[in-house]
C-alpha atoms as a PDB file:
ATOM      1  CA  MET A   1      -6.643  -1.881 -16.522  1.00  0.00           C
ATOM      2  CA  MET A   2      -3.881  -0.735 -14.176  1.00  0.00           C
ATOM      3  CA  GLU A   3      -3.474   3.015 -13.777  1.00  0.00           C
ATOM      4  CA  TYR A   4      -0.112   4.673 -13.114  1.00  0.00           C
ATOM      5  CA  ARG A   5       0.307   7.652 -10.819  1.00  0.00           C
ATOM      6  CA  TYR A   6       3.122   9.988  -9.913  1.00  0.00           C
ATOM      7  CA  MET A   7       4.632   9.459  -6.489  1.00  0.00           C
ATOM      8  CA  GLY A   8       3.908  12.806  -4.875  1.00  0.00           C
ATOM      9  CA  ARG A   9       5.753  15.642  -6.573  1.00  0.00           C
ATOM     10  CA  THR A  10       8.398  13.347  -8.106  1.00  0.00           C
ATOM     11  CA  GLY A  11       8.563  12.166 -11.700  1.00  0.00           C
ATOM     12  CA  LEU A  12       8.368   8.532 -10.535  1.00  0.00           C
ATOM     13  CA  LYS A  13       5.337   6.639 -11.849  1.00  0.00           C
ATOM     14  CA  VAL A  14       3.995   3.677  -9.899  1.00  0.00           C
ATOM     15  CA  SER A  15       1.036   1.390 -10.405  1.00  0.00           C
ATOM     16  CA  ALA A  16      -2.027   2.542  -8.475  1.00  0.00           C
ATOM     17  CA  LEU A  17      -1.956  -0.730  -6.549  1.00  0.00           C
ATOM     18  CA  CYS A  18       1.195  -1.779  -4.703  1.00  0.00           C
ATOM     19  CA  LEU A  19       1.890  -5.432  -3.941  1.00  0.00           C
ATOM     20  CA  GLY A  20       2.844  -5.890  -0.298  1.00  0.00           C
ATOM     21  CA  CYS A  21       5.322  -8.700   0.270  1.00  0.00           C
ATOM     22  CA  MET A  22       4.860  -9.151   4.036  1.00  0.00           C
ATOM     23  CA  THR A  23       3.264 -12.577   3.571  1.00  0.00           C
ATOM     24  CA  PHE A  24       6.258 -13.940   1.637  1.00  0.00           C
ATOM     25  CA  GLY A  25       8.130 -16.549   3.655  1.00  0.00           C
ATOM     26  CA  ARG A  26       5.379 -16.539   6.251  1.00  0.00           C
ATOM     27  CA  GLU A  27       1.833 -17.241   5.005  1.00  0.00           C
ATOM     28  CA  ALA A  28       3.026 -17.758   1.406  1.00  0.00           C
ATOM     29  CA  ASP A  29       5.887 -20.109   0.563  1.00  0.00           C
ATOM     30  CA  GLU A  30       8.462 -19.198  -2.084  1.00  0.00           C
ATOM     31  CA  PRO A  31       6.794 -20.818  -5.138  1.00  0.00           C
ATOM     32  CA  THR A  32       3.485 -19.182  -4.235  1.00  0.00           C
ATOM     33  CA  SER A  33       5.177 -15.829  -3.649  1.00  0.00           C
ATOM     34  CA  LYS A  34       6.824 -15.951  -7.061  1.00  0.00           C
ATOM     35  CA  ARG A  35       3.500 -16.733  -8.744  1.00  0.00           C
ATOM     36  CA  LEU A  36       1.898 -13.800  -6.925  1.00  0.00           C
ATOM     37  CA  ILE A  37       4.596 -11.413  -8.153  1.00  0.00           C
ATOM     38  CA  ASP A  38       4.409 -12.754 -11.717  1.00  0.00           C
ATOM     39  CA  ARG A  39       0.627 -12.337 -11.790  1.00  0.00           C
ATOM     40  CA  PHE A  40       0.855  -8.818 -10.347  1.00  0.00           C
ATOM     41  CA  LEU A  41       3.363  -7.842 -13.030  1.00  0.00           C
ATOM     42  CA  ASP A  42       1.214  -9.414 -15.747  1.00  0.00           C
ATOM     43  CA  ALA A  43      -1.695  -7.261 -14.519  1.00  0.00           C
ATOM     44  CA  GLY A  44       0.407  -4.131 -15.060  1.00  0.00           C
ATOM     45  CA  GLY A  45       1.691  -3.666 -11.524  1.00  0.00           C
ATOM     46  CA  ASN A  46       5.228  -2.337 -11.102  1.00  0.00           C
ATOM     47  CA  PHE A  47       5.354  -1.432  -7.391  1.00  0.00           C
ATOM     48  CA  LEU A  48       6.502  -3.893  -4.692  1.00  0.00           C
ATOM     49  CA  ASP A  49       6.797  -3.137  -0.978  1.00  0.00           C
ATOM     50  CA  THR A  50       8.662  -5.180   1.612  1.00  0.00           C
ATOM     51  CA  ALA A  51      10.765  -4.596   4.736  1.00  0.00           C
ATOM     52  CA  ASN A  52      13.995  -5.945   6.141  1.00  0.00           C
ATOM     53  CA  THR A  53      12.220  -7.544   9.112  1.00  0.00           C
ATOM     54  CA  TYR A  54       9.360  -9.264   7.277  1.00  0.00           C
ATOM     55  CA  ALA A  55       9.621 -13.001   7.932  1.00  0.00           C
ATOM     56  CA  GLY A  56      13.025 -12.399   9.520  1.00  0.00           C
ATOM     57  CA  GLY A  57      14.539 -11.232   6.230  1.00  0.00           C
ATOM     58  CA  LYS A  58      13.032 -14.033   4.124  1.00  0.00           C
ATOM     59  CA  SER A  59      10.577 -11.685   2.407  1.00  0.00           C
ATOM     60  CA  GLU A  60      13.429  -9.655   0.919  1.00  0.00           C
ATOM     61  CA  GLU A  61      15.279 -12.805  -0.132  1.00  0.00           C
ATOM     62  CA  ILE A  62      12.225 -14.329  -1.809  1.00  0.00           C
ATOM     63  CA  THR A  63      11.332 -11.036  -3.491  1.00  0.00           C
ATOM     64  CA  GLY A  64      14.878 -10.626  -4.789  1.00  0.00           C
ATOM     65  CA  ARG A  65      14.915 -14.075  -6.352  1.00  0.00           C
ATOM     66  CA  ALA A  66      11.423 -13.658  -7.819  1.00  0.00           C
ATOM     67  CA  ILE A  67      12.263 -10.428  -9.668  1.00  0.00           C
ATOM     68  CA  LYS A  68      15.587 -11.571 -11.055  1.00  0.00           C
ATOM     69  CA  GLY A  69      15.783 -10.489 -14.687  1.00  0.00           C
ATOM     70  CA  LYS A  70      12.890  -8.046 -14.245  1.00  0.00           C
ATOM     71  CA  ARG A  71      14.464  -5.584 -11.830  1.00  0.00           C
ATOM     72  CA  HIS A  72      14.798  -2.609 -14.185  1.00  0.00           C
ATOM     73  CA  ASN A  73      11.023  -2.502 -14.803  1.00  0.00           C
ATOM     74  CA  LEU A  74      10.085  -2.402 -11.115  1.00  0.00           C
ATOM     75  CA  VAL A  75       9.799   0.124  -8.322  1.00  0.00           C
ATOM     76  CA  LEU A  76      11.129  -1.761  -5.310  1.00  0.00           C
ATOM     77  CA  ALA A  77      10.549  -0.482  -1.772  1.00  0.00           C
ATOM     78  CA  THR A  78      11.871  -1.700   1.559  1.00  0.00           C
ATOM     79  CA  LYS A  79      12.269  -0.330   5.083  1.00  0.00           C
ATOM     80  CA  VAL A  80      14.620   0.194   8.024  1.00  0.00           C
ATOM     81  CA  ARG A  81      14.085   0.669  11.751  1.00  0.00           C
ATOM     82  CA  PHE A  82      13.219  -2.556  13.572  1.00  0.00           C
ATOM     83  CA  PRO A  83      15.744  -5.199  14.687  1.00  0.00           C
ATOM     84  CA  LEU A  84      16.865  -8.423  13.078  1.00  0.00           C
ATOM     85  CA  GLY A  85      19.798  -8.942  15.427  1.00  0.00           C
ATOM     86  CA  SER A  86      20.045  -8.711  19.210  1.00  0.00           C
ATOM     87  CA  GLY A  87      22.823  -6.149  19.585  1.00  0.00           C
ATOM     88  CA  PRO A  88      22.256  -2.681  21.082  1.00  0.00           C
ATOM     89  CA  ASN A  89      22.734  -1.034  17.665  1.00  0.00           C
ATOM     90  CA  ASP A  90      20.641  -3.519  15.677  1.00  0.00           C
ATOM     91  CA  LEU A  91      17.598  -1.253  15.683  1.00  0.00           C
ATOM     92  CA  GLY A  92      16.588   2.367  15.324  1.00  0.00           C
ATOM     93  CA  LEU A  93      17.426   5.091  12.836  1.00  0.00           C
ATOM     94  CA  SER A  94      21.031   5.820  13.763  1.00  0.00           C
ATOM     95  CA  ARG A  95      23.630   6.220  11.023  1.00  0.00           C
ATOM     96  CA  PHE A  96      25.202   3.000  12.307  1.00  0.00           C
ATOM     97  CA  HIS A  97      22.022   0.960  11.908  1.00  0.00           C
ATOM     98  CA  ILE A  98      20.931   2.543   8.608  1.00  0.00           C
ATOM     99  CA  MET A  99      24.297   1.943   6.932  1.00  0.00           C
ATOM    100  CA  HIS A 100      24.396  -1.681   8.036  1.00  0.00           C
ATOM    101  CA  SER A 101      20.738  -2.288   7.187  1.00  0.00           C
ATOM    102  CA  ILE A 102      20.902  -1.004   3.615  1.00  0.00           C
ATOM    103  CA  GLU A 103      23.832  -3.299   2.828  1.00  0.00           C
ATOM    104  CA  ASP A 104      21.968  -6.272   4.289  1.00  0.00           C
ATOM    105  CA  SER A 105      18.802  -5.403   2.360  1.00  0.00           C
ATOM    106  CA  LEU A 106      20.700  -4.995  -0.923  1.00  0.00           C
ATOM    107  CA  ARG A 107      22.311  -8.375  -0.388  1.00  0.00           C
ATOM    108  CA  ARG A 108      19.014 -10.106   0.403  1.00  0.00           C
ATOM    109  CA  LEU A 109      17.241  -8.418  -2.516  1.00  0.00           C
ATOM    110  CA  ASP A 110      20.203  -9.171  -4.808  1.00  0.00           C
ATOM    111  CA  THR A 111      20.190  -5.658  -6.239  1.00  0.00           C
ATOM    112  CA  ASP A 112      22.502  -2.643  -6.385  1.00  0.00           C
ATOM    113  CA  TYR A 113      19.868  -0.111  -5.365  1.00  0.00           C
ATOM    114  CA  VAL A 114      16.464   0.323  -3.750  1.00  0.00           C
ATOM    115  CA  ASP A 115      13.978   2.621  -5.469  1.00  0.00           C
ATOM    116  CA  LEU A 116      12.214   3.625  -2.260  1.00  0.00           C
ATOM    117  CA  TYR A 117      13.814   3.354   1.186  1.00  0.00           C
ATOM    118  CA  GLN A 118      11.389   4.000   4.021  1.00  0.00           C
ATOM    119  CA  VAL A 119      11.965   4.596   7.716  1.00  0.00           C
ATOM    120  CA  HIS A 120       9.552   2.166   9.324  1.00  0.00           C
ATOM    121  CA  CYS A 121       8.727   4.087  12.477  1.00  0.00           C
ATOM    122  CA  TRP A 122       9.786   7.093  14.559  1.00  0.00           C
ATOM    123  CA  ASP A 123      12.947   6.610  16.639  1.00  0.00           C
ATOM    124  CA  PRO A 124      12.894   8.798  19.770  1.00  0.00           C
ATOM    125  CA  GLY A 125      16.522   7.925  20.542  1.00  0.00           C
ATOM    126  CA  THR A 126      18.148   9.341  17.404  1.00  0.00           C
ATOM    127  CA  PRO A 127      18.242  13.004  16.322  1.00  0.00           C
ATOM    128  CA  LEU A 128      16.361  13.540  13.069  1.00  0.00           C
ATOM    129  CA  GLU A 129      19.388  15.335  11.646  1.00  0.00           C
ATOM    130  CA  GLU A 130      21.479  12.175  12.004  1.00  0.00           C
ATOM    131  CA  THR A 131      18.838  10.026  10.315  1.00  0.00           C
ATOM    132  CA  LEU A 132      18.252  12.420   7.437  1.00  0.00           C
ATOM    133  CA  ARG A 133      21.965  12.966   6.780  1.00  0.00           C
ATOM    134  CA  ALA A 134      22.553   9.213   6.626  1.00  0.00           C
ATOM    135  CA  LEU A 135      19.621   8.742   4.245  1.00  0.00           C
ATOM    136  CA  ASP A 136      20.843  11.606   2.061  1.00  0.00           C
ATOM    137  CA  ASP A 137      24.238   9.933   1.844  1.00  0.00           C
ATOM    138  CA  LEU A 138      22.574   6.754   0.552  1.00  0.00           C
ATOM    139  CA  VAL A 139      20.806   8.754  -2.154  1.00  0.00           C
ATOM    140  CA  ARG A 140      24.050  10.455  -3.155  1.00  0.00           C
ATOM    141  CA  GLN A 141      25.812   7.078  -3.267  1.00  0.00           C
ATOM    142  CA  GLY A 142      23.156   5.722  -5.630  1.00  0.00           C
ATOM    143  CA  LYS A 143      22.071   2.958  -3.272  1.00  0.00           C
ATOM    144  CA  VAL A 144      18.654   4.581  -2.792  1.00  0.00           C
ATOM    145  CA  ARG A 145      16.582   6.552  -5.317  1.00  0.00           C
ATOM    146  CA  TYR A 146      13.801   8.010  -3.150  1.00  0.00           C
ATOM    147  CA  LEU A 147      13.006   8.267   0.562  1.00  0.00           C
ATOM    148  CA  GLY A 148       9.783   7.514   2.397  1.00  0.00           C
ATOM    149  CA  VAL A 149       8.400   7.492   5.917  1.00  0.00           C
ATOM    150  CA  SER A 150       5.935   5.337   7.831  1.00  0.00           C
ATOM    151  CA  ASN A 151       4.321   5.537  11.254  1.00  0.00           C
ATOM    152  CA  PHE A 152       5.417   9.079  12.109  1.00  0.00           C
ATOM    153  CA  ALA A 153       3.255  11.810  13.598  1.00  0.00           C
ATOM    154  CA  ALA A 154       2.423  14.698  11.266  1.00  0.00           C
ATOM    155  CA  TRP A 155       4.567  17.165  13.228  1.00  0.00           C
ATOM    156  CA  GLN A 156       7.520  14.774  12.997  1.00  0.00           C
ATOM    157  CA  ILE A 157       7.203  14.610   9.214  1.00  0.00           C
ATOM    158  CA  MET A 158       6.964  18.391   8.947  1.00  0.00           C
ATOM    159  CA  LYS A 159      10.045  18.755  11.156  1.00  0.00           C
ATOM    160  CA  ALA A 160      11.898  16.329   8.885  1.00  0.00           C
ATOM    161  CA  LEU A 161      10.834  18.255   5.775  1.00  0.00           C
ATOM    162  CA  GLY A 162      12.055  21.478   7.362  1.00  0.00           C
ATOM    163  CA  ILE A 163      15.460  20.010   8.210  1.00  0.00           C
ATOM    164  CA  SER A 164      15.806  18.559   4.705  1.00  0.00           C
ATOM    165  CA  ALA A 165      14.960  21.908   3.124  1.00  0.00           C
ATOM    166  CA  MET A 166      17.319  23.912   5.335  1.00  0.00           C
ATOM    167  CA  GLN A 167      20.252  21.508   4.949  1.00  0.00           C
ATOM    168  CA  HIS A 168      19.614  20.666   1.266  1.00  0.00           C
ATOM    169  CA  LEU A 169      19.082  16.979   1.975  1.00  0.00           C
ATOM    170  CA  ALA A 170      16.953  14.451   0.100  1.00  0.00           C
ATOM    171  CA  ARG A 171      13.483  14.590   1.601  1.00  0.00           C
ATOM    172  CA  PHE A 172      10.668  12.159   2.286  1.00  0.00           C
ATOM    173  CA  GLU A 173       8.629  11.819  -0.914  1.00  0.00           C
ATOM    174  CA  CYS A 174       5.966   9.432   0.320  1.00  0.00           C
ATOM    175  CA  LEU A 175       4.123   8.383   3.454  1.00  0.00           C
ATOM    176  CA  GLN A 176       3.008   4.843   4.276  1.00  0.00           C
ATOM    177  CA  PRO A 177       0.218   5.170   6.872  1.00  0.00           C
ATOM    178  CA  GLN A 178      -2.617   2.950   8.020  1.00  0.00           C
ATOM    179  CA  TYR A 179      -5.755   3.985   6.130  1.00  0.00           C
ATOM    180  CA  SER A 180      -9.059   2.260   5.476  1.00  0.00           C
ATOM    181  CA  LEU A 181     -12.791   2.694   5.914  1.00  0.00           C
ATOM    182  CA  ILE A 182     -12.332   1.724   9.570  1.00  0.00           C
ATOM    183  CA  GLU A 183      -9.161   3.770  10.189  1.00  0.00           C
ATOM    184  CA  ARG A 184      -9.652   7.299   8.820  1.00  0.00           C
ATOM    185  CA  GLU A 185      -7.732   9.331  11.399  1.00  0.00           C
ATOM    186  CA  ILE A 186      -5.091  10.412   8.865  1.00  0.00           C
ATOM    187  CA  GLU A 187      -7.693  12.589   7.158  1.00  0.00           C
ATOM    188  CA  ARG A 188      -7.372  15.164   9.959  1.00  0.00           C
ATOM    189  CA  GLU A 189      -3.678  16.027   9.579  1.00  0.00           C
ATOM    190  CA  PHE A 190      -1.799  13.718   7.250  1.00  0.00           C
ATOM    191  CA  ILE A 191      -3.793  13.903   4.022  1.00  0.00           C
ATOM    192  CA  PRO A 192      -4.000  17.722   3.980  1.00  0.00           C
ATOM    193  CA  MET A 193      -0.281  17.850   4.844  1.00  0.00           C
ATOM    194  CA  CYS A 194       0.667  15.388   2.079  1.00  0.00           C
ATOM    195  CA  ILE A 195      -1.399  17.198  -0.540  1.00  0.00           C
ATOM    196  CA  SER A 196       0.061  20.548   0.544  1.00  0.00           C
ATOM    197  CA  GLU A 197       3.669  19.293   0.569  1.00  0.00           C
ATOM    198  CA  GLY A 198       3.496  17.053  -2.492  1.00  0.00           C
ATOM    199  CA  ILE A 199       3.956  13.746  -0.651  1.00  0.00           C
ATOM    200  CA  GLY A 200       2.528  10.518  -2.065  1.00  0.00           C
ATOM    201  CA  ILE A 201       0.405   8.279   0.169  1.00  0.00           C
ATOM    202  CA  ILE A 202       0.680   4.480  -0.002  1.00  0.00           C
ATOM    203  CA  PRO A 203      -1.735   3.151   2.653  1.00  0.00           C
ATOM    204  CA  TRP A 204      -1.056  -0.056   4.521  1.00  0.00           C
ATOM    205  CA  SER A 205      -3.883  -2.305   5.753  1.00  0.00           C
ATOM    206  CA  PRO A 206      -6.528  -0.817   3.412  1.00  0.00           C
ATOM    207  CA  LEU A 207      -8.732  -3.816   4.289  1.00  0.00           C
ATOM    208  CA  GLY A 208      -8.394  -3.328   8.037  1.00  0.00           C
ATOM    209  CA  GLY A 209      -6.397  -6.496   8.560  1.00  0.00           C
ATOM    210  CA  GLY A 210      -8.974  -8.502   6.595  1.00  0.00           C
ATOM    211  CA  PHE A 211     -11.990  -7.206   8.503  1.00  0.00           C
ATOM    212  CA  LEU A 212     -13.384  -5.472   5.409  1.00  0.00           C
ATOM    213  CA  THR A 213     -13.279  -8.623   3.272  1.00  0.00           C
ATOM    214  CA  GLY A 214     -16.587  -9.777   4.757  1.00  0.00           C
ATOM    215  CA  LYS A 215     -15.202 -13.001   6.189  1.00  0.00           C
ATOM    216  CA  TYR A 216     -16.133 -11.950   9.733  1.00  0.00           C
ATOM    217  CA  LYS A 217     -19.639 -12.113  11.197  1.00  0.00           C
ATOM    218  CA  ARG A 218     -20.912 -10.642  14.436  1.00  0.00           C
ATOM    219  CA  ASP A 219     -21.632 -14.049  15.939  1.00  0.00           C
ATOM    220  CA  ALA A 220     -19.092 -16.244  14.130  1.00  0.00           C
ATOM    221  CA  GLN A 221     -15.422 -15.287  14.351  1.00  0.00           C
ATOM    222  CA  PRO A 222     -13.403 -17.619  12.028  1.00  0.00           C
ATOM    223  CA  ASP A 223     -10.623 -19.533  13.728  1.00  0.00           C
ATOM    224  CA  ASP A 224      -8.288 -19.443  10.721  1.00  0.00           C
ATOM    225  CA  ALA A 225      -8.388 -15.711   9.950  1.00  0.00           C
ATOM    226  CA  ARG A 226      -5.711 -13.136  10.755  1.00  0.00           C
ATOM    227  CA  LEU A 227      -7.730 -11.121  13.255  1.00  0.00           C
ATOM    228  CA  SER A 228      -8.682 -14.274  15.139  1.00  0.00           C
ATOM    229  CA  GLN A 229      -5.039 -15.119  15.685  1.00  0.00           C
ATOM    230  CA  ALA A 230      -3.733 -11.594  16.249  1.00  0.00           C
ATOM    231  CA  ARG A 231      -2.271 -10.752  19.589  1.00  0.00           C
ATOM    232  CA  THR A 232      -4.049  -8.241  21.773  1.00  0.00           C
ATOM    233  CA  GLY A 233      -2.388  -5.155  23.223  1.00  0.00           C
ATOM    234  CA  ASN A 234      -0.509  -2.686  21.036  1.00  0.00           C
ATOM    235  CA  TRP A 235      -1.136  -4.391  17.678  1.00  0.00           C
ATOM    236  CA  GLU A 236      -3.402  -2.423  15.357  1.00  0.00           C
ATOM    237  CA  ASN A 237      -5.261  -5.264  13.674  1.00  0.00           C
ATOM    238  CA  THR A 238      -6.810  -7.139  16.606  1.00  0.00           C
ATOM    239  CA  TRP A 239     -10.331  -8.424  17.095  1.00  0.00           C
ATOM    240  CA  GLU A 240     -10.885  -6.071  20.031  1.00  0.00           C
ATOM    241  CA  LYS A 241     -10.069  -3.023  17.907  1.00  0.00           C
ATOM    242  CA  ARG A 242     -12.069  -4.131  14.868  1.00  0.00           C
ATOM    243  CA  ALA A 243     -15.259  -5.716  16.245  1.00  0.00           C
ATOM    244  CA  THR A 244     -17.038  -2.470  17.189  1.00  0.00           C
ATOM    245  CA  GLU A 245     -20.600  -1.447  16.415  1.00  0.00           C
ATOM    246  CA  GLN A 246     -19.506   1.306  14.034  1.00  0.00           C
ATOM    247  CA  ASN A 247     -17.238  -1.101  12.167  1.00  0.00           C
ATOM    248  CA  TRP A 248     -20.062  -3.628  11.807  1.00  0.00           C
ATOM    249  CA  ALA A 249     -22.221  -0.830  10.377  1.00  0.00           C
ATOM    250  CA  ILE A 250     -19.422   0.040   7.936  1.00  0.00           C
ATOM    251  CA  LEU A 251     -19.129  -3.613   6.933  1.00  0.00           C
ATOM    252  CA  ASP A 252     -22.875  -3.825   6.328  1.00  0.00           C
ATOM    253  CA  CYS A 253     -22.649  -0.782   4.044  1.00  0.00           C
ATOM    254  CA  VAL A 254     -19.680  -2.242   2.152  1.00  0.00           C
ATOM    255  CA  GLY A 255     -21.641  -5.454   1.711  1.00  0.00           C
ATOM    256  CA  GLU A 256     -24.664  -3.637   0.324  1.00  0.00           C
ATOM    257  CA  VAL A 257     -22.566  -1.768  -2.252  1.00  0.00           C
ATOM    258  CA  ALA A 258     -20.814  -5.033  -3.143  1.00  0.00           C
ATOM    259  CA  ARG A 259     -24.161  -6.787  -3.623  1.00  0.00           C
ATOM    260  CA  GLN A 260     -25.538  -4.041  -5.829  1.00  0.00           C
ATOM    261  CA  ARG A 261     -22.404  -3.939  -7.992  1.00  0.00           C
ATOM    262  CA  GLY A 262     -21.845  -7.702  -8.118  1.00  0.00           C
ATOM    263  CA  VAL A 263     -18.307  -7.456  -6.704  1.00  0.00           C
ATOM    264  CA  SER A 264     -16.554  -8.523  -3.519  1.00  0.00           C
ATOM    265  CA  TYR A 265     -16.381  -6.679  -0.204  1.00  0.00           C
ATOM    266  CA  ALA A 266     -12.620  -6.323  -0.636  1.00  0.00           C
ATOM    267  CA  GLN A 267     -12.953  -4.684  -4.038  1.00  0.00           C
ATOM    268  CA  VAL A 268     -15.365  -2.074  -2.659  1.00  0.00           C
ATOM    269  CA  ALA A 269     -13.153  -1.304   0.348  1.00  0.00           C
ATOM    270  CA  LEU A 270     -10.031  -1.049  -1.813  1.00  0.00           C
ATOM    271  CA  ALA A 271     -11.764   1.071  -4.444  1.00  0.00           C
ATOM    272  CA  TRP A 272     -12.837   3.512  -1.730  1.00  0.00           C
ATOM    273  CA  VAL A 273      -9.204   3.994  -0.579  1.00  0.00           C
ATOM    274  CA  TYR A 274      -7.966   3.961  -4.186  1.00  0.00           C
ATOM    275  CA  ASN A 275     -10.198   6.943  -5.022  1.00  0.00           C
ATOM    276  CA  LYS A 276      -9.576   9.107  -1.944  1.00  0.00           C
ATOM    277  CA  PRO A 277      -7.752  12.439  -2.385  1.00  0.00           C
ATOM    278  CA  GLY A 278      -3.967  12.264  -2.079  1.00  0.00           C
ATOM    279  CA  VAL A 279      -3.710   8.469  -2.299  1.00  0.00           C
ATOM    280  CA  THR A 280      -1.080   7.156  -4.713  1.00  0.00           C
ATOM    281  CA  ALA A 281      -1.354   3.382  -4.278  1.00  0.00           C
ATOM    282  CA  PRO A 282      -2.962   1.226  -1.572  1.00  0.00           C
ATOM    283  CA  ILE A 283      -0.816  -1.741  -0.574  1.00  0.00           C
ATOM    284  CA  ILE A 284      -2.548  -5.054  -1.251  1.00  0.00           C
ATOM    285  CA  GLY A 285      -1.388  -8.246   0.409  1.00  0.00           C
ATOM    286  CA  ALA A 286      -2.183 -11.820  -0.518  1.00  0.00           C
ATOM    287  CA  ARG A 287      -1.478 -15.307   0.775  1.00  0.00           C
ATOM    288  CA  ASN A 288      -2.714 -17.034  -2.360  1.00  0.00           C
ATOM    289  CA  MET A 289      -3.714 -16.391  -5.972  1.00  0.00           C
ATOM    290  CA  GLU A 290      -7.429 -16.190  -5.191  1.00  0.00           C
ATOM    291  CA  GLN A 291      -6.880 -13.264  -2.814  1.00  0.00           C
ATOM    292  CA  LEU A 292      -4.624 -11.474  -5.283  1.00  0.00           C
ATOM    293  CA  GLU A 293      -7.083 -11.856  -8.166  1.00  0.00           C
ATOM    294  CA  ASP A 294      -9.856 -10.471  -5.987  1.00  0.00           C
ATOM    295  CA  ASN A 295      -7.758  -7.478  -4.907  1.00  0.00           C
ATOM    296  CA  LEU A 296      -6.675  -6.715  -8.473  1.00  0.00           C
ATOM    297  CA  GLY A 297     -10.323  -6.325  -9.408  1.00  0.00           C
ATOM    298  CA  ALA A 298     -10.428  -3.086  -7.414  1.00  0.00           C
ATOM    299  CA  ALA A 299      -8.423  -1.364 -10.155  1.00  0.00           C
ATOM    300  CA  ASP A 300     -11.409  -1.716 -12.501  1.00  0.00           C
ATOM    301  CA  LEU A 301     -14.086  -0.692 -10.001  1.00  0.00           C
ATOM    302  CA  ASN A 302     -15.172   2.941 -10.230  1.00  0.00           C
ATOM    303  CA  LEU A 303     -17.458   3.764  -7.331  1.00  0.00           C
ATOM    304  CA  THR A 304     -20.079   6.390  -8.075  1.00  0.00           C
ATOM    305  CA  PRO A 305     -20.072   9.709  -6.170  1.00  0.00           C
ATOM    306  CA  GLU A 306     -23.207   8.491  -4.384  1.00  0.00           C
ATOM    307  CA  GLU A 307     -21.510   5.246  -3.311  1.00  0.00           C
ATOM    308  CA  MET A 308     -18.430   7.125  -2.123  1.00  0.00           C
ATOM    309  CA  ALA A 309     -20.659   9.539  -0.165  1.00  0.00           C
ATOM    310  CA  THR A 310     -22.560   6.665   1.464  1.00  0.00           C
ATOM    311  CA  LEU A 311     -19.348   4.947   2.534  1.00  0.00           C
ATOM    312  CA  ASP A 312     -17.921   8.270   3.724  1.00  0.00           C
ATOM    313  CA  ALA A 313     -20.977   8.934   5.867  1.00  0.00           C
ATOM    314  CA  VAL A 314     -21.135   5.563   7.609  1.00  0.00           C
ATOM    315  CA  SER A 315     -17.393   5.547   8.359  1.00  0.00           C
ATOM    316  CA  ALA A 316     -16.949   9.218   9.307  1.00  0.00           C
ATOM    317  CA  PRO A 317     -14.716   9.650  12.361  1.00  0.00           C
ATOM    318  CA  PRO A 318     -15.823  12.128  15.031  1.00  0.00           C
ATOM    319  CA  VAL A 319     -14.806  15.729  14.441  1.00  0.00           C
ATOM    320  CA  ILE A 320     -12.593  16.820  17.319  1.00  0.00           C
ATOM    321  CA  TYR A 321     -11.026  20.056  18.496  1.00  0.00           C
ATOM    322  CA  PRO A 322      -9.501  22.167  16.957  1.00  0.00           C
ATOM    323  CA  TYR A 323     -10.991  20.990  13.652  1.00  0.00           C
ATOM    324  CA  ARG A 324     -14.538  21.377  14.947  1.00  0.00           C
ATOM    325  CA  PHE A 325     -13.802  24.946  16.034  1.00  0.00           C
ATOM    326  CA  LEU A 326     -11.973  25.795  12.808  1.00  0.00           C
ATOM    327  CA  ALA A 327     -14.710  24.340  10.638  1.00  0.00           C
ATOM    328  CA  ASN A 328     -17.503  26.079  12.512  1.00  0.00           C
ATOM    329  CA  THR A 329     -15.692  29.406  12.372  1.00  0.00           C
ATOM    330  CA  ALA A 330     -14.436  29.167   8.808  1.00  0.00           C
ATOM    331  CA  GLN A 331     -17.593  27.730   7.296  1.00  0.00           C
ATOM    332  CA  GLY A 332     -19.622  30.676   8.518  1.00  0.00           C
ATOM    333  CA  ARG A 333     -17.355  33.678   8.076  1.00  0.00           C
ATOM    334  CA  GLU A 334     -15.181  32.643   5.144  1.00  0.00           C
ATOM    335  CA  ARG A 335     -18.011  31.167   3.102  1.00  0.00           C
ATOM    336  CA  GLU A 336     -20.178  34.206   3.693  1.00  0.00           C
ATOM    337  CA  LYS A 337     -17.444  36.710   2.871  1.00  0.00           C
ATOM    338  CA  TYR A 338     -15.452  34.964   0.147  1.00  0.00           C
ATOM    339  CA  GLY A 339     -17.507  31.999  -1.032  1.00  0.00           C
ATOM    340  CA  ILE A 340     -14.788  29.582   0.187  1.00  0.00           C
ATOM    341  CA  ARG A 341     -15.799  25.991   0.910  1.00  0.00           C
ATOM    342  CA  ILE A 342     -14.416  24.445   4.109  1.00  0.00           C
ATOM    343  CA  ASN A 343     -14.721  20.787   5.088  1.00  0.00           C
ATOM    344  CA  ALA A 344     -15.463  19.341   8.548  1.00  0.00           C
ATOM    345  CA  GLU A 345     -11.765  19.450   9.482  1.00  0.00           C
ATOM    346  CA  GLY A 346     -11.493  23.138   8.700  1.00  0.00           C
ATOM    347  CA  VAL A 347      -9.539  22.591   5.476  1.00  0.00           C
ATOM    348  CA  ARG A 348     -10.289  24.533   2.308  1.00  0.00           C
ATOM    349  CA  ILE A 349     -11.777  22.358  -0.451  1.00  0.00           C
END
């Protein structure tokens, strides 16, 4: 049964799984995409995430047609930052690009407003004040209901929150970061920050680009899988980044839990993210109905504290400075004096 959660400190309720629409118009054709959305809605989902650049704009177009007549029941999210055109102002987070992009997204989605408008990535060329003022204008105009951020550093988000507070602008209410059993770096800064500031977390790639589905073997890389075809270099989900000894150990542990519970690897990996502190809704993607049905099963899988602890232990990232120093100092002195519990990152728990 689908659970609903508040998006950060807002009164907006979203399903605890979000359907990512990046495959629409690319790996999934339009009829398949519509069936995926219909099945997700039938399962109780109400949260869809796309972006203006997915499939060159086709994802927004397909999503818009698929939700026609159902729009008022949905929380619809899209993004702005990356280019669709080739002009010098067809990218970034300038007022110019944001104002053009929202109109194009509304047209493709065939809607008057977007529930959640997310900046897709940091733009070093545009002052934050310009970006935030433009986004606030969209909220005031009713074209956007809430604002979100993706692929920023923690200090950049905190700077944005400070500007929004000082200038009485609409603020970022959610963060879309990469987070999975094989990518846990956000636990150092981002998760404590989001919990402290009341920001919802909607993780992308909770299955590590498909690595955590169990389809990959140490000695048999499938030719038709996403990681096999991914480009090397700066892309996050590449074979070189995923096929490490620690990740294989994590996958073995996921497989053992899956075997004991009689569920799939993907359901275990998603349930782990689903149940982590601060997480609002992991984003699930699917190319076909079989993948979607499997992912939806995670909503009914409650991992035991022992299973969560086992998965936590095998996937634990190294503790680095200053968190190591803070934890060592705080765990001794603060616990002894005040009975306060401090985790490995030096954060009170």
